[in-house]
Amino acid sequence: MHDIAFKGLTFAHAGWTAPSEPAGFAAAWSMYLRPGKGDDSKLLTVPGNVAFRTAERITFQGNRFVHLGAQGLEFSENSSHNTVDGNVFTDISDGGVVLGALPPDTKGTDRGNRVTNNRVHRTGADHHASSGIWDAGSRETTIAHNQVDHVPYTGILSGPAEDVRGLMSGNRIVGNRVFATNRLLADGGGIYLRGEQGTSYADGAVVSGNAVTDSAYGTWNVGIYTDDSSTWITVRDNAVHSYRASIGGCSEDWGDRPVQNVRFHGNFWDDTVPDWLPRRSYPGGWPPAPDCGDPRTSSSGRTPC
């Protein structure tokens, strides 16, 4: 399907019944299930109530997605150059927008999609570990000028569900307003990144010009969260405050999956650290061993903070 525009419509009152089946309730990280009891080939992602696969140049502009029982809108399975602009997503059981290679897929050529100028709020009504916007693995994607607020877990998530390499490059998370995240669950963030985001700073992720604030809930949540195995990320010119930790993450030394090759430049943050977390010599909240380690130095020889 290609070259179709949907404008000024309301998508509402659709359900999703998989939690009534043996797989059970969708409670895993950003909403996927493991019905295969450890068999990752049988992972099941919460689908979009409005879903496009292998779609190109589809436009959603000025629509409302409300009272839905799964994700709001999905673009996956090699969907490229699609635009989601100026829509409202609210009162949805799971997340608002999901795109890219979704579990159990580990490959895909989703590229050039744009998620811009949307309002995503009060999502995750039933499946609380969802994210307002989730890029599960794509290239040259732009997530810009959205407002994401009042969500139970993460606002904007960029990264694959598992430790899948080679899916992501050239993505931009720019100029978003994110607040009131993690209102029910801990260990998430305003803008959360994980995994391999490129092969160098030149084609890695850029997180720039975002305002991420007012979410100091629970024991552990991070404004701009570069978590396990995050690499090739530039974080610049953002304002982050009033989180349990403004920046940081878990650098997973076990399995050789550290946070590395992350550059921070020109940001404002209040450098808060939870009481239970020892303060390091560099900014941010970074849990120590045995669960986590120090983030590695960048290729330029400077520490990532």
C-alpha atoms as a PDB file:
ATOM      1  CA  MET A   1       0.000   0.000   0.000  1.00  0.00           C
ATOM      2  CA  HIS A   2       1.381   3.409  -0.865  1.00  0.00           C
ATOM      3  CA  ASP A   3       0.586   7.085  -1.489  1.00  0.00           C
ATOM      4  CA  ILE A   4      -2.569   7.442   0.628  1.00  0.00           C
ATOM      5  CA  ALA A   5      -3.452  10.262   3.057  1.00  0.00           C
ATOM      6  CA  PHE A   6      -5.769  10.053   6.087  1.00  0.00           C
ATOM      7  CA  LYS A   7      -6.783  13.493   7.376  1.00  0.00           C
ATOM      8  CA  GLY A   8      -9.254  14.733   9.959  1.00  0.00           C
ATOM      9  CA  LEU A   9     -10.562  11.305  10.987  1.00  0.00           C
ATOM     10  CA  THR A  10     -11.230   9.667  14.355  1.00  0.00           C
ATOM     11  CA  PHE A  11     -10.114   6.082  14.987  1.00  0.00           C
ATOM     12  CA  ALA A  12     -11.834   4.756  18.106  1.00  0.00           C
ATOM     13  CA  HIS A  13     -13.356   1.802  19.977  1.00  0.00           C
ATOM     14  CA  ALA A  14     -11.204  -1.120  18.833  1.00  0.00           C
ATOM     15  CA  GLY A  15      -9.927  -3.876  21.122  1.00  0.00           C
ATOM     16  CA  TRP A  16      -7.205  -6.513  21.364  1.00  0.00           C
ATOM     17  CA  THR A  17      -7.925  -9.912  22.913  1.00  0.00           C
ATOM     18  CA  ALA A  18      -4.511 -11.644  23.049  1.00  0.00           C
ATOM     19  CA  PRO A  19      -4.172 -11.095  26.841  1.00  0.00           C
ATOM     20  CA  SER A  20      -7.163 -13.446  27.211  1.00  0.00           C
ATOM     21  CA  GLU A  21      -5.184 -16.212  25.489  1.00  0.00           C
ATOM     22  CA  PRO A  22      -2.380 -18.380  26.976  1.00  0.00           C
ATOM     23  CA  ALA A  23       0.298 -15.710  26.375  1.00  0.00           C
ATOM     24  CA  GLY A  24      -1.337 -13.686  29.125  1.00  0.00           C
ATOM     25  CA  PHE A  25      -1.065 -10.053  30.075  1.00  0.00           C
ATOM     26  CA  ALA A  26       1.341  -7.836  28.133  1.00  0.00           C
ATOM     27  CA  ALA A  27       3.720  -6.755  30.886  1.00  0.00           C
ATOM     28  CA  ALA A  28       7.207  -6.924  29.355  1.00  0.00           C
ATOM     29  CA  TRP A  29       9.438  -3.994  28.446  1.00  0.00           C
ATOM     30  CA  SER A  30       7.532  -1.671  26.092  1.00  0.00           C
ATOM     31  CA  MET A  31       4.870  -4.262  25.558  1.00  0.00           C
ATOM     32  CA  TYR A  32       5.715  -7.581  24.068  1.00  0.00           C
ATOM     33  CA  LEU A  33       4.832 -11.058  25.277  1.00  0.00           C
ATOM     34  CA  ARG A  34       6.754 -14.323  25.410  1.00  0.00           C
ATOM     35  CA  PRO A  35       4.166 -17.005  24.658  1.00  0.00           C
ATOM     36  CA  GLY A  36       6.931 -19.403  23.610  1.00  0.00           C
ATOM     37  CA  LYS A  37       8.361 -19.694  27.164  1.00  0.00           C
ATOM     38  CA  GLY A  38      11.849 -18.489  26.292  1.00  0.00           C
ATOM     39  CA  ASP A  39      11.647 -18.976  22.534  1.00  0.00           C
ATOM     40  CA  ASP A  40      12.353 -15.507  21.136  1.00  0.00           C
ATOM     41  CA  SER A  41      11.079 -16.544  17.705  1.00  0.00           C
ATOM     42  CA  LYS A  42       7.611 -16.497  19.231  1.00  0.00           C
ATOM     43  CA  LEU A  43       7.762 -13.022  20.744  1.00  0.00           C
ATOM     44  CA  LEU A  44       4.529 -11.130  20.254  1.00  0.00           C
ATOM     45  CA  THR A  45       4.369  -7.334  20.083  1.00  0.00           C
ATOM     46  CA  VAL A  46       1.200  -5.488  20.936  1.00  0.00           C
ATOM     47  CA  PRO A  47      -0.054  -4.496  17.451  1.00  0.00           C
ATOM     48  CA  GLY A  48      -1.473  -1.204  16.269  1.00  0.00           C
ATOM     49  CA  ASN A  49      -5.240  -0.968  16.118  1.00  0.00           C
ATOM     50  CA  VAL A  50      -4.458   0.909  12.922  1.00  0.00           C
ATOM     51  CA  ALA A  51      -1.544  -0.988  11.361  1.00  0.00           C
ATOM     52  CA  PHE A  52       0.460  -0.768   8.137  1.00  0.00           C
ATOM     53  CA  ARG A  53       3.054  -3.263   6.988  1.00  0.00           C
ATOM     54  CA  THR A  54       5.231  -2.900   3.891  1.00  0.00           C
ATOM     55  CA  ALA A  55       3.681   0.531   3.330  1.00  0.00           C
ATOM     56  CA  GLU A  56       5.247   3.584   1.699  1.00  0.00           C
ATOM     57  CA  ARG A  57       4.372   7.276   1.618  1.00  0.00           C
ATOM     58  CA  ILE A  58       1.289   6.971   3.832  1.00  0.00           C
ATOM     59  CA  THR A  59       0.292  10.211   5.580  1.00  0.00           C
ATOM     60  CA  PHE A  60      -1.727  10.581   8.799  1.00  0.00           C
ATOM     61  CA  GLN A  61      -2.431  14.235   9.510  1.00  0.00           C
ATOM     62  CA  GLY A  62      -4.818  15.880  11.963  1.00  0.00           C
ATOM     63  CA  ASN A  63      -6.480  12.657  13.147  1.00  0.00           C
ATOM     64  CA  ARG A  64      -7.566  11.436  16.600  1.00  0.00           C
ATOM     65  CA  PHE A  65      -6.734   7.993  18.000  1.00  0.00           C
ATOM     66  CA  VAL A  66      -8.848   7.410  21.120  1.00  0.00           C
ATOM     67  CA  HIS A  67     -10.416   4.585  23.172  1.00  0.00           C
ATOM     68  CA  LEU A  68      -8.251   1.871  21.620  1.00  0.00           C
ATOM     69  CA  GLY A  69      -7.244  -1.474  23.131  1.00  0.00           C
ATOM     70  CA  ALA A  70      -3.765  -1.995  21.631  1.00  0.00           C
ATOM     71  CA  GLN A  71      -1.196   0.446  20.168  1.00  0.00           C
ATOM     72  CA  GLY A  72      -2.659   3.441  18.394  1.00  0.00           C
ATOM     73  CA  LEU A  73      -0.786   3.420  15.047  1.00  0.00           C
ATOM     74  CA  GLU A  74       1.822   0.966  13.708  1.00  0.00           C
ATOM     75  CA  PHE A  75       4.193   1.099  10.726  1.00  0.00           C
ATOM     76  CA  SER A  76       6.337  -2.038  10.458  1.00  0.00           C
ATOM     77  CA  GLU A  77       7.720  -4.791   8.203  1.00  0.00           C
ATOM     78  CA  ASN A  78       9.699  -2.598   5.808  1.00  0.00           C
ATOM     79  CA  SER A  79       7.451   0.472   5.897  1.00  0.00           C
ATOM     80  CA  SER A  80       9.284   3.598   4.723  1.00  0.00           C
ATOM     81  CA  HIS A  81       8.828   7.314   4.044  1.00  0.00           C
ATOM     82  CA  ASN A  82       5.563   7.567   5.969  1.00  0.00           C
ATOM     83  CA  THR A  83       4.399  10.685   7.845  1.00  0.00           C
ATOM     84  CA  VAL A  84       2.508  10.938  11.140  1.00  0.00           C
ATOM     85  CA  ASP A  85       1.918  14.654  11.704  1.00  0.00           C
ATOM     86  CA  GLY A  86      -0.342  16.704  13.960  1.00  0.00           C
ATOM     87  CA  ASN A  87      -2.425  13.868  15.412  1.00  0.00           C
ATOM     88  CA  VAL A  88      -3.770  13.267  18.921  1.00  0.00           C
ATOM     89  CA  PHE A  89      -3.301   9.935  20.718  1.00  0.00           C
ATOM     90  CA  THR A  90      -5.056   9.467  24.062  1.00  0.00           C
ATOM     91  CA  ASP A  91      -6.961   6.907  26.166  1.00  0.00           C
ATOM     92  CA  ILE A  92      -5.165   3.985  24.523  1.00  0.00           C
ATOM     93  CA  SER A  93      -4.424   0.703  26.285  1.00  0.00           C
ATOM     94  CA  ASP A  94      -0.836   0.607  25.010  1.00  0.00           C
ATOM     95  CA  GLY A  95       1.394   3.178  23.260  1.00  0.00           C
ATOM     96  CA  GLY A  96       0.512   5.861  20.759  1.00  0.00           C
ATOM     97  CA  VAL A  97       2.863   5.238  17.791  1.00  0.00           C
ATOM     98  CA  VAL A  98       5.125   2.251  17.116  1.00  0.00           C
ATOM     99  CA  LEU A  99       7.353   1.771  14.072  1.00  0.00           C
ATOM    100  CA  GLY A 100      10.266  -0.276  12.809  1.00  0.00           C
ATOM    101  CA  ALA A 101      11.229  -3.934  13.120  1.00  0.00           C
ATOM    102  CA  LEU A 102       8.970  -5.317  15.844  1.00  0.00           C
ATOM    103  CA  PRO A 103       9.583  -8.565  17.737  1.00  0.00           C
ATOM    104  CA  PRO A 104       9.963 -11.298  16.665  1.00  0.00           C
ATOM    105  CA  ASP A 105      11.486  -9.617  13.564  1.00  0.00           C
ATOM    106  CA  THR A 106      15.240  -9.011  13.792  1.00  0.00           C
ATOM    107  CA  LYS A 107      15.682  -7.534  10.314  1.00  0.00           C
ATOM    108  CA  GLY A 108      14.016  -4.760   8.370  1.00  0.00           C
ATOM    109  CA  THR A 109      14.531  -1.806   6.061  1.00  0.00           C
ATOM    110  CA  ASP A 110      12.097   0.635   7.649  1.00  0.00           C
ATOM    111  CA  ARG A 111      13.528   4.058   6.841  1.00  0.00           C
ATOM    112  CA  GLY A 112      12.741   7.730   6.307  1.00  0.00           C
ATOM    113  CA  ASN A 113       9.602   7.862   8.478  1.00  0.00           C
ATOM    114  CA  ARG A 114       8.552  11.065  10.261  1.00  0.00           C
ATOM    115  CA  VAL A 115       6.595  11.396  13.521  1.00  0.00           C
ATOM    116  CA  THR A 116       6.091  15.121  14.063  1.00  0.00           C
ATOM    117  CA  ASN A 117       3.876  17.652  15.857  1.00  0.00           C
ATOM    118  CA  ASN A 118       1.712  15.043  17.592  1.00  0.00           C
ATOM    119  CA  ARG A 119       0.167  15.129  21.068  1.00  0.00           C
ATOM    120  CA  VAL A 120       0.536  11.808  22.885  1.00  0.00           C
ATOM    121  CA  HIS A 121      -0.886  11.750  26.404  1.00  0.00           C
ATOM    122  CA  ARG A 122      -2.603   9.422  28.852  1.00  0.00           C
ATOM    123  CA  THR A 123      -1.643   6.319  26.885  1.00  0.00           C
ATOM    124  CA  GLY A 124      -0.766   2.995  28.515  1.00  0.00           C
ATOM    125  CA  ALA A 125      -4.149   2.821  30.186  1.00  0.00           C
ATOM    126  CA  ASP A 126      -4.003  -0.980  30.604  1.00  0.00           C
ATOM    127  CA  HIS A 127      -0.519  -2.100  29.527  1.00  0.00           C
ATOM    128  CA  HIS A 128       1.532   0.193  31.707  1.00  0.00           C
ATOM    129  CA  ALA A 129       5.029  -0.703  30.456  1.00  0.00           C
ATOM    130  CA  SER A 130       4.312   0.948  27.113  1.00  0.00           C
ATOM    131  CA  SER A 131       5.977   3.996  25.577  1.00  0.00           C
ATOM    132  CA  GLY A 132       4.204   6.989  24.082  1.00  0.00           C
ATOM    133  CA  ILE A 133       6.289   6.718  20.880  1.00  0.00           C
ATOM    134  CA  TRP A 134       8.483   3.680  20.162  1.00  0.00           C
ATOM    135  CA  ASP A 135      10.981   3.312  17.313  1.00  0.00           C
ATOM    136  CA  ALA A 136      11.805  -0.382  17.599  1.00  0.00           C
ATOM    137  CA  GLY A 137      14.419  -0.399  14.856  1.00  0.00           C
ATOM    138  CA  SER A 138      14.578   1.872  11.813  1.00  0.00           C
ATOM    139  CA  ARG A 139      16.845   4.183   9.854  1.00  0.00           C
ATOM    140  CA  GLU A 140      16.730   7.907   9.074  1.00  0.00           C
ATOM    141  CA  THR A 141      13.635   8.337  11.230  1.00  0.00           C
ATOM    142  CA  THR A 142      12.704  11.775  12.565  1.00  0.00           C
ATOM    143  CA  ILE A 143      10.744  12.126  15.823  1.00  0.00           C
ATOM    144  CA  ALA A 144      10.328  15.878  16.215  1.00  0.00           C
ATOM    145  CA  HIS A 145       8.212  18.543  17.902  1.00  0.00           C
ATOM    146  CA  ASN A 146       5.862  16.122  19.632  1.00  0.00           C
ATOM    147  CA  GLN A 147       4.406  16.619  23.098  1.00  0.00           C
ATOM    148  CA  VAL A 148       4.373  13.433  25.173  1.00  0.00           C
ATOM    149  CA  ASP A 149       3.034  13.618  28.718  1.00  0.00           C
ATOM    150  CA  HIS A 150       1.149  11.765  31.449  1.00  0.00           C
ATOM    151  CA  VAL A 151       2.290   8.297  30.476  1.00  0.00           C
ATOM    152  CA  PRO A 152       2.870   5.420  32.931  1.00  0.00           C
ATOM    153  CA  TYR A 153       6.324   4.501  31.651  1.00  0.00           C
ATOM    154  CA  THR A 154       8.620   5.965  28.971  1.00  0.00           C
ATOM    155  CA  GLY A 155       7.825   8.966  26.789  1.00  0.00           C
ATOM    156  CA  ILE A 156       9.920   8.346  23.640  1.00  0.00           C
ATOM    157  CA  LEU A 157      11.795   5.069  23.220  1.00  0.00           C
ATOM    158  CA  SER A 158      14.459   4.429  20.556  1.00  0.00           C
ATOM    159  CA  GLY A 159      15.890   0.951  20.364  1.00  0.00           C
ATOM    160  CA  PRO A 160      15.110  -2.702  19.687  1.00  0.00           C
ATOM    161  CA  ALA A 161      13.401  -4.871  22.284  1.00  0.00           C
ATOM    162  CA  GLU A 162      16.305  -7.346  22.309  1.00  0.00           C
ATOM    163  CA  ASP A 163      20.030  -6.809  21.691  1.00  0.00           C
ATOM    164  CA  VAL A 164      19.667  -6.726  17.894  1.00  0.00           C
ATOM    165  CA  ARG A 165      22.454  -5.054  15.931  1.00  0.00           C
ATOM    166  CA  GLY A 166      22.377  -3.352  12.556  1.00  0.00           C
ATOM    167  CA  LEU A 167      18.776  -2.112  12.606  1.00  0.00           C
ATOM    168  CA  MET A 168      19.260   1.547  13.448  1.00  0.00           C
ATOM    169  CA  SER A 169      21.169   4.460  11.967  1.00  0.00           C
ATOM    170  CA  GLY A 170      20.731   8.133  11.163  1.00  0.00           C
ATOM    171  CA  ASN A 171      17.780   8.718  13.510  1.00  0.00           C
ATOM    172  CA  ARG A 172      16.865  12.112  15.001  1.00  0.00           C
ATOM    173  CA  ILE A 173      14.884  12.900  18.164  1.00  0.00           C
ATOM    174  CA  VAL A 174      14.595  16.674  18.008  1.00  0.00           C
ATOM    175  CA  GLY A 175      12.650  19.458  19.684  1.00  0.00           C
ATOM    176  CA  ASN A 176      10.169  17.337  21.637  1.00  0.00           C
ATOM    177  CA  ARG A 177       8.430  18.363  24.860  1.00  0.00           C
ATOM    178  CA  VAL A 178       8.287  15.455  27.285  1.00  0.00           C
ATOM    179  CA  PHE A 179       7.018  15.581  30.860  1.00  0.00           C
ATOM    180  CA  ALA A 180       5.052  13.598  33.450  1.00  0.00           C
ATOM    181  CA  THR A 181       6.477  10.240  32.399  1.00  0.00           C
ATOM    182  CA  ASN A 182       6.950   7.199  34.687  1.00  0.00           C
ATOM    183  CA  ARG A 183       3.816   8.046  36.614  1.00  0.00           C
ATOM    184  CA  LEU A 184       3.271   4.374  37.503  1.00  0.00           C
ATOM    185  CA  LEU A 185       6.464   2.431  36.706  1.00  0.00           C
ATOM    186  CA  ALA A 186      10.141   2.976  37.456  1.00  0.00           C
ATOM    187  CA  ASP A 187      13.263   2.285  35.381  1.00  0.00           C
ATOM    188  CA  GLY A 188      12.169   4.186  32.294  1.00  0.00           C
ATOM    189  CA  GLY A 189      12.695   7.689  31.057  1.00  0.00           C
ATOM    190  CA  GLY A 190      11.595  10.754  29.218  1.00  0.00           C
ATOM    191  CA  ILE A 191      13.713   9.840  26.175  1.00  0.00           C
ATOM    192  CA  TYR A 192      15.085   6.325  26.467  1.00  0.00           C
ATOM    193  CA  LEU A 193      17.722   4.850  24.138  1.00  0.00           C
ATOM    194  CA  ARG A 194      19.243   1.404  24.090  1.00  0.00           C
ATOM    195  CA  GLY A 195      21.341  -0.688  21.777  1.00  0.00           C
ATOM    196  CA  GLU A 196      23.410   0.048  18.730  1.00  0.00           C
ATOM    197  CA  GLN A 197      22.219   3.312  17.146  1.00  0.00           C
ATOM    198  CA  GLY A 198      24.677   3.354  14.239  1.00  0.00           C
ATOM    199  CA  THR A 199      28.277   2.552  13.363  1.00  0.00           C
ATOM    200  CA  SER A 200      29.848   5.962  14.127  1.00  0.00           C
ATOM    201  CA  TYR A 201      28.884   9.413  15.347  1.00  0.00           C
ATOM    202  CA  ALA A 202      28.304  10.373  11.724  1.00  0.00           C
ATOM    203  CA  ASP A 203      25.422   7.919  11.277  1.00  0.00           C
ATOM    204  CA  GLY A 204      24.423   7.493  14.921  1.00  0.00           C
ATOM    205  CA  ALA A 205      21.416   8.891  16.760  1.00  0.00           C
ATOM    206  CA  VAL A 206      21.099  12.590  17.580  1.00  0.00           C
ATOM    207  CA  VAL A 207      18.999  13.720  20.550  1.00  0.00           C
ATOM    208  CA  SER A 208      18.829  17.499  20.321  1.00  0.00           C
ATOM    209  CA  GLY A 209      16.797  20.476  21.497  1.00  0.00           C
ATOM    210  CA  ASN A 210      14.345  18.539  23.666  1.00  0.00           C
ATOM    211  CA  ALA A 211      12.782  19.737  26.927  1.00  0.00           C
ATOM    212  CA  VAL A 212      12.385  16.790  29.310  1.00  0.00           C
ATOM    213  CA  THR A 213      11.087  17.727  32.754  1.00  0.00           C
ATOM    214  CA  ASP A 214       8.835  17.233  35.776  1.00  0.00           C
ATOM    215  CA  SER A 215       8.897  13.484  36.322  1.00  0.00           C
ATOM    216  CA  ALA A 216      10.641  12.825  39.639  1.00  0.00           C
ATOM    217  CA  TYR A 217       8.448   9.841  40.462  1.00  0.00           C
ATOM    218  CA  GLY A 218       9.406   6.497  41.997  1.00  0.00           C
ATOM    219  CA  THR A 219      12.889   5.281  42.846  1.00  0.00           C
ATOM    220  CA  TRP A 220      14.601   5.390  39.452  1.00  0.00           C
ATOM    221  CA  ASN A 221      13.737   7.163  36.228  1.00  0.00           C
ATOM    222  CA  VAL A 222      16.030   9.162  33.963  1.00  0.00           C
ATOM    223  CA  GLY A 223      15.325  12.197  31.790  1.00  0.00           C
ATOM    224  CA  ILE A 224      17.579  11.203  28.870  1.00  0.00           C
ATOM    225  CA  TYR A 225      18.317   7.549  29.514  1.00  0.00           C
ATOM    226  CA  THR A 226      21.192   5.908  27.618  1.00  0.00           C
ATOM    227  CA  ASP A 227      20.792   2.361  28.840  1.00  0.00           C
ATOM    228  CA  ASP A 228      22.395  -1.038  28.329  1.00  0.00           C
ATOM    229  CA  SER A 229      24.618  -1.351  25.265  1.00  0.00           C
ATOM    230  CA  SER A 230      23.781   2.155  23.984  1.00  0.00           C
ATOM    231  CA  THR A 231      26.398   3.267  21.493  1.00  0.00           C
ATOM    232  CA  TRP A 232      26.952   5.986  18.866  1.00  0.00           C
ATOM    233  CA  ILE A 233      24.685   8.682  20.269  1.00  0.00           C
ATOM    234  CA  THR A 234      25.070  12.472  20.368  1.00  0.00           C
ATOM    235  CA  VAL A 235      23.063  14.272  23.084  1.00  0.00           C
ATOM    236  CA  ARG A 236      23.234  18.045  22.655  1.00  0.00           C
ATOM    237  CA  ASP A 237      21.389  21.258  23.539  1.00  0.00           C
ATOM    238  CA  ASN A 238      18.655  19.627  25.651  1.00  0.00           C
ATOM    239  CA  ALA A 239      17.059  20.901  28.872  1.00  0.00           C
ATOM    240  CA  VAL A 240      16.474  18.153  31.442  1.00  0.00           C
ATOM    241  CA  HIS A 241      15.394  18.585  35.060  1.00  0.00           C
ATOM    242  CA  SER A 242      13.177  17.242  37.829  1.00  0.00           C
ATOM    243  CA  TYR A 243      13.794  13.543  37.176  1.00  0.00           C
ATOM    244  CA  ARG A 244      15.274  11.109  39.682  1.00  0.00           C
ATOM    245  CA  ALA A 245      18.373  11.350  37.497  1.00  0.00           C
ATOM    246  CA  SER A 246      18.605  13.757  34.592  1.00  0.00           C
ATOM    247  CA  ILE A 247      21.062  11.645  32.571  1.00  0.00           C
ATOM    248  CA  GLY A 248      22.584   8.213  32.974  1.00  0.00           C
ATOM    249  CA  GLY A 249      21.812   4.536  32.620  1.00  0.00           C
ATOM    250  CA  CYS A 250      23.089   1.041  33.298  1.00  0.00           C
ATOM    251  CA  SER A 251      26.307   0.193  31.479  1.00  0.00           C
ATOM    252  CA  GLU A 252      26.052  -3.577  31.290  1.00  0.00           C
ATOM    253  CA  ASP A 253      29.539  -4.972  31.598  1.00  0.00           C
ATOM    254  CA  TRP A 254      28.189  -8.504  31.728  1.00  0.00           C
ATOM    255  CA  GLY A 255      28.077  -9.931  28.227  1.00  0.00           C
ATOM    256  CA  ASP A 256      30.332  -7.066  27.054  1.00  0.00           C
ATOM    257  CA  ARG A 257      27.356  -4.732  26.513  1.00  0.00           C
ATOM    258  CA  PRO A 258      28.587  -1.431  27.966  1.00  0.00           C
ATOM    259  CA  VAL A 259      27.326   2.054  27.272  1.00  0.00           C
ATOM    260  CA  GLN A 260      29.972   3.611  25.030  1.00  0.00           C
ATOM    261  CA  ASN A 261      30.473   6.210  22.320  1.00  0.00           C
ATOM    262  CA  VAL A 262      27.904   8.637  23.755  1.00  0.00           C
ATOM    263  CA  ARG A 263      28.708  12.359  23.556  1.00  0.00           C
ATOM    264  CA  PHE A 264      26.990  15.056  25.623  1.00  0.00           C
ATOM    265  CA  HIS A 265      27.398  18.676  24.561  1.00  0.00           C
ATOM    266  CA  GLY A 266      25.705  21.954  25.490  1.00  0.00           C
ATOM    267  CA  ASN A 267      22.923  20.481  27.639  1.00  0.00           C
ATOM    268  CA  PHE A 268      21.315  21.938  30.740  1.00  0.00           C
ATOM    269  CA  TRP A 269      20.507  19.509  33.546  1.00  0.00           C
ATOM    270  CA  ASP A 270      20.223  19.657  37.303  1.00  0.00           C
ATOM    271  CA  ASP A 271      22.422  16.545  37.848  1.00  0.00           C
ATOM    272  CA  THR A 272      20.201  14.954  40.458  1.00  0.00           C
ATOM    273  CA  VAL A 273      21.119  11.478  41.710  1.00  0.00           C
ATOM    274  CA  PRO A 274      18.839   9.266  43.877  1.00  0.00           C
ATOM    275  CA  ASP A 275      19.832   8.856  47.530  1.00  0.00           C
ATOM    276  CA  TRP A 276      20.523   5.128  47.050  1.00  0.00           C
ATOM    277  CA  LEU A 277      22.965   5.699  44.195  1.00  0.00           C
ATOM    278  CA  PRO A 278      26.607   6.669  44.845  1.00  0.00           C
ATOM    279  CA  ARG A 279      27.641   9.828  43.037  1.00  0.00           C
ATOM    280  CA  ARG A 280      30.376   9.283  40.466  1.00  0.00           C
ATOM    281  CA  SER A 281      33.118  11.708  39.505  1.00  0.00           C
ATOM    282  CA  TYR A 282      31.213  12.493  36.299  1.00  0.00           C
ATOM    283  CA  PRO A 283      27.612  13.692  35.898  1.00  0.00           C
ATOM    284  CA  GLY A 284      24.520  11.531  35.858  1.00  0.00           C
ATOM    285  CA  GLY A 285      23.114   8.493  37.587  1.00  0.00           C
ATOM    286  CA  TRP A 286      25.085   5.330  36.795  1.00  0.00           C
ATOM    287  CA  PRO A 287      24.426   2.281  39.012  1.00  0.00           C
ATOM    288  CA  PRO A 288      27.656   0.532  40.074  1.00  0.00           C
ATOM    289  CA  ALA A 289      28.761  -3.097  39.883  1.00  0.00           C
ATOM    290  CA  PRO A 290      27.806  -5.913  40.143  1.00  0.00           C
ATOM    291  CA  ASP A 291      24.766  -5.160  37.986  1.00  0.00           C
ATOM    292  CA  CYS A 292      26.264  -2.264  36.004  1.00  0.00           C
ATOM    293  CA  GLY A 293      29.648  -0.722  35.380  1.00  0.00           C
ATOM    294  CA  ASP A 294      31.197   2.521  34.274  1.00  0.00           C
ATOM    295  CA  PRO A 295      30.302   3.806  30.812  1.00  0.00           C
ATOM    296  CA  ARG A 296      33.274   3.379  28.498  1.00  0.00           C
ATOM    297  CA  THR A 297      35.298   6.236  27.082  1.00  0.00           C
ATOM    298  CA  SER A 298      34.399   7.460  23.639  1.00  0.00           C
ATOM    299  CA  SER A 299      36.497   6.937  20.544  1.00  0.00           C
ATOM    300  CA  SER A 300      37.923  10.425  21.034  1.00  0.00           C
ATOM    301  CA  GLY A 301      39.338   9.394  24.406  1.00  0.00           C
ATOM    302  CA  ARG A 302      36.921  11.514  26.417  1.00  0.00           C
ATOM    303  CA  THR A 303      34.487  10.108  28.939  1.00  0.00           C
ATOM    304  CA  PRO A 304      30.930   9.998  27.581  1.00  0.00           C
ATOM    305  CA  CYS A 305      29.721  12.551  30.113  1.00  0.00           C
END
